Protein backbone atom coordinates (compact mmCIF):
# COMPACT_ATOMS: atom_id res chain seq x y z
CA MET A 1 97.50 87.08 118.50
CA PRO A 2 101.31 87.66 118.97
CA ALA A 3 102.30 86.84 115.46
CA PHE A 4 99.98 89.61 113.88
CA GLU A 5 101.22 92.20 116.65
CA ARG A 6 104.60 92.26 115.15
CA TRP A 7 103.22 93.10 111.66
CA GLN A 8 101.03 96.26 112.79
CA ASN A 9 103.63 98.97 111.94
CA PHE A 10 104.35 97.34 108.52
CA TYR A 11 100.46 97.34 107.71
CA VAL A 12 99.93 100.77 109.01
CA ILE A 13 102.21 102.21 106.74
CA VAL A 14 101.25 99.89 103.78
CA GLY A 15 97.38 100.35 104.40
CA SER A 16 97.81 104.11 104.76
CA SER A 17 99.84 104.45 101.68
CA ALA A 18 97.50 102.58 99.55
CA GLY A 19 94.52 104.49 100.84
CA ALA A 20 96.30 107.79 99.77
CA LEU A 21 97.34 106.36 96.56
CA ILE A 22 93.87 105.61 95.97
CA GLY A 23 92.56 109.17 96.54
CA LEU A 24 95.78 110.63 94.55
CA GLN A 25 94.75 108.34 91.58
CA PHE A 26 91.26 109.88 91.45
CA VAL A 27 92.46 113.38 91.50
CA VAL A 28 95.04 112.79 88.89
CA MET A 29 92.64 110.95 86.56
CA SER A 30 90.15 114.04 87.29
CA LEU A 31 92.69 116.12 85.79
CA ILE A 32 93.50 113.96 82.98
CA SER A 33 90.10 113.64 81.77
CA GLY A 34 89.74 117.32 81.89
CA MET A 35 92.87 117.93 79.41
CA ARG A 36 92.04 119.79 76.08
CA ASN A 37 92.08 116.87 73.26
CA ALA A 38 91.79 113.92 75.76
CA ARG A 39 90.60 111.13 73.83
CA LEU A 40 89.35 108.54 76.50
CA ASP A 41 88.42 105.17 75.84
CA PRO A 42 86.47 103.27 78.61
CA GLN A 43 87.48 99.88 77.57
CA ALA A 44 91.36 101.12 77.88
CA GLY A 45 90.05 102.59 81.26
CA THR A 46 88.93 99.46 82.56
CA ALA A 47 91.59 97.49 81.19
CA PHE A 48 94.61 99.99 82.52
CA GLY A 49 93.15 102.23 85.14
CA THR A 50 90.50 100.64 87.15
CA PRO A 51 93.04 97.73 88.10
CA SER A 52 95.34 99.92 89.95
CA VAL A 53 92.47 101.15 92.23
CA VAL A 54 91.46 97.59 92.68
CA HIS A 55 95.14 96.35 93.80
CA PHE A 56 95.44 99.48 96.17
CA GLY A 57 92.21 98.64 97.58
CA ALA A 58 93.28 95.02 98.06
CA VAL A 59 96.21 96.50 100.10
CA LEU A 60 94.26 98.69 102.18
CA GLY A 61 91.62 95.65 102.81
CA LEU A 62 94.46 93.51 103.54
CA SER A 63 96.15 96.00 106.10
CA GLY A 64 92.69 96.07 107.89
CA ILE A 65 92.44 92.44 107.88
CA LEU A 66 95.97 91.93 109.35
CA CYS A 67 95.58 94.59 111.89
CA ALA A 68 92.10 93.51 113.09
CA PRO A 69 92.03 91.87 116.62
CA TRP A 70 91.86 88.22 115.50
CA ASP A 71 91.61 85.48 118.21
CA GLY A 72 93.29 83.12 115.87
CA ALA A 73 94.83 82.51 112.62
CA GLY A 74 92.09 80.69 111.17
CA ALA A 75 89.68 83.61 110.24
CA ALA A 76 92.29 85.82 109.18
CA SER A 77 93.91 83.41 106.83
CA ALA A 78 90.56 82.47 105.35
CA SER A 79 90.03 86.34 104.91
CA TRP A 80 93.29 87.12 102.98
CA GLY A 81 93.15 83.88 101.04
CA LEU A 82 89.65 85.10 99.70
CA VAL A 83 91.35 88.18 98.84
CA GLY A 84 93.93 86.20 96.74
CA VAL A 85 91.35 83.90 95.10
CA CYS A 86 89.03 87.02 94.11
CA GLY A 87 92.19 88.73 92.63
CA LEU A 88 93.21 85.56 90.61
CA VAL A 89 89.95 86.11 89.10
CA TYR A 90 90.25 89.62 88.68
CA VAL A 91 93.66 89.17 87.10
CA VAL A 92 91.85 86.97 84.56
CA LEU A 93 89.27 89.78 83.91
CA ILE A 94 92.25 92.23 83.33
CA LEU A 95 93.68 89.88 80.88
CA ARG A 96 90.67 89.57 78.88
CA ARG A 97 90.19 93.66 79.26
CA ILE A 98 93.63 94.19 77.98
CA ARG A 99 93.17 91.83 74.92
CA ALA A 100 89.49 93.27 74.10
CA GLN A 101 90.57 97.04 74.01
CA GLY A 102 92.00 98.58 71.01
CA ALA A 103 93.39 101.78 72.29
CA TYR A 104 96.87 100.56 72.79
CA ARG A 105 98.78 97.52 71.88
CA PRO A 106 100.32 96.50 75.43
CA GLU A 107 104.19 96.02 75.84
CA PHE A 108 106.15 93.57 77.70
CA GLU A 109 106.30 95.87 80.45
CA ASP A 110 102.54 96.45 80.56
CA TRP A 111 101.97 92.57 80.90
CA LEU A 112 104.36 92.39 83.63
CA PHE A 113 102.70 94.82 85.59
CA HIS A 114 99.38 94.52 84.65
CA VAL A 115 99.17 90.88 84.49
CA LEU A 116 101.99 88.86 85.75
CA LEU A 117 103.19 90.56 88.89
CA PRO A 118 99.55 91.00 89.88
CA LEU A 119 98.92 87.30 89.47
CA ALA A 120 101.95 86.41 91.40
CA ALA A 121 100.75 88.47 94.35
CA TYR A 122 97.40 87.16 94.40
CA LEU A 123 98.57 83.90 94.18
CA ALA A 124 100.97 84.18 97.18
CA LEU A 125 97.98 85.29 99.15
CA ALA A 126 96.16 82.18 97.90
CA VAL A 127 98.78 79.85 98.89
CA SER A 128 99.70 81.63 102.07
CA ALA A 129 96.41 81.35 103.17
CA TYR A 130 96.48 77.59 103.02
CA THR A 131 99.94 77.10 104.17
CA ALA A 132 99.02 79.19 107.49
CA ARG A 133 97.98 76.55 109.58
CA TRP A 134 101.59 74.88 109.59
CA TRP A 135 103.82 77.61 108.70
CA LEU A 136 101.85 80.91 110.09
CA ARG A 137 105.19 82.93 110.31
CA GLU A 138 106.22 82.35 106.88
CA SER A 139 102.78 82.96 105.90
CA LEU A 140 102.70 86.22 106.96
CA PHE A 141 105.95 86.97 104.85
CA GLY A 142 103.85 85.77 101.91
CA VAL A 143 101.00 88.11 102.53
CA ALA A 144 103.54 90.81 103.12
CA ALA A 145 105.30 90.26 100.08
CA GLY A 146 102.03 89.91 97.96
CA SER A 147 100.82 93.30 99.44
CA LEU A 148 104.03 95.34 98.29
CA VAL A 149 104.11 93.71 95.11
CA LEU A 150 100.41 94.94 94.39
CA LEU A 151 101.17 98.32 96.05
CA PHE A 152 104.32 98.75 93.73
CA SER A 153 102.57 97.36 90.44
CA GLY A 154 99.81 100.13 91.53
CA ILE A 155 102.30 102.84 91.56
CA HIS A 156 104.05 101.51 88.29
CA ASN A 157 100.66 101.39 86.51
CA ALA A 158 99.37 104.78 87.68
CA TRP A 159 102.62 106.58 87.16
CA ASP A 160 102.53 104.85 83.65
CA ALA A 161 99.20 106.25 82.82
CA VAL A 162 99.55 109.47 83.97
CA THR A 163 103.15 109.85 81.86
CA TYR A 164 101.22 108.30 78.92
CA HIS A 165 98.42 110.87 78.98
CA VAL A 166 100.87 113.83 80.12
CA TYR A 167 103.63 112.98 77.30
CA THR A 168 101.64 111.49 74.59
CA LYS A 169 98.14 112.99 74.47
CA SER A 170 98.97 116.31 75.42
CA THR A 171 101.30 116.74 72.58
CA GLY A 172 98.65 115.46 70.21
CA SER A 173 101.25 112.60 68.93
CA GLU A 174 100.30 109.12 69.06
CA ARG A 175 102.61 106.42 70.66
CA GLU A 176 103.21 103.80 68.02
CA PRO A 177 101.02 100.83 68.96
């Protein structure tokens, strides 16, 4: 489809970045778990660590969807819409996990990057899937925006987790909850 062909380079770059960041996050989290005095809280991990990998995986999946040789926009938009709807459900799950964990009291920045921005990104995917039948070009920009928001939120969250463990946990001091 000509409308998708113009986006190929974008999704190759974004998708390969997401794939590389998934691998990098596994390496970094493995190193952090091996630190002396590392106290790991599984509830906090599922609230703050796992979502980054899921968001990177969503971006990687969206890149595959948009680079596939579709004959029409219908199946493609249904696919990215499904990612959006599943992502919305997952953000609600993240919200519940953040509220249930007791290892860390989230600040505004945590709510912004772990809940609000991913919620907006997945909502953009779902809405753009619905509007694709009338405004395909604009809808593809909505998918791109959602992908970038998920990618940058994941980068922020992964970096935040690493710096928290390196600068707070490794020194033995506790961050004020």
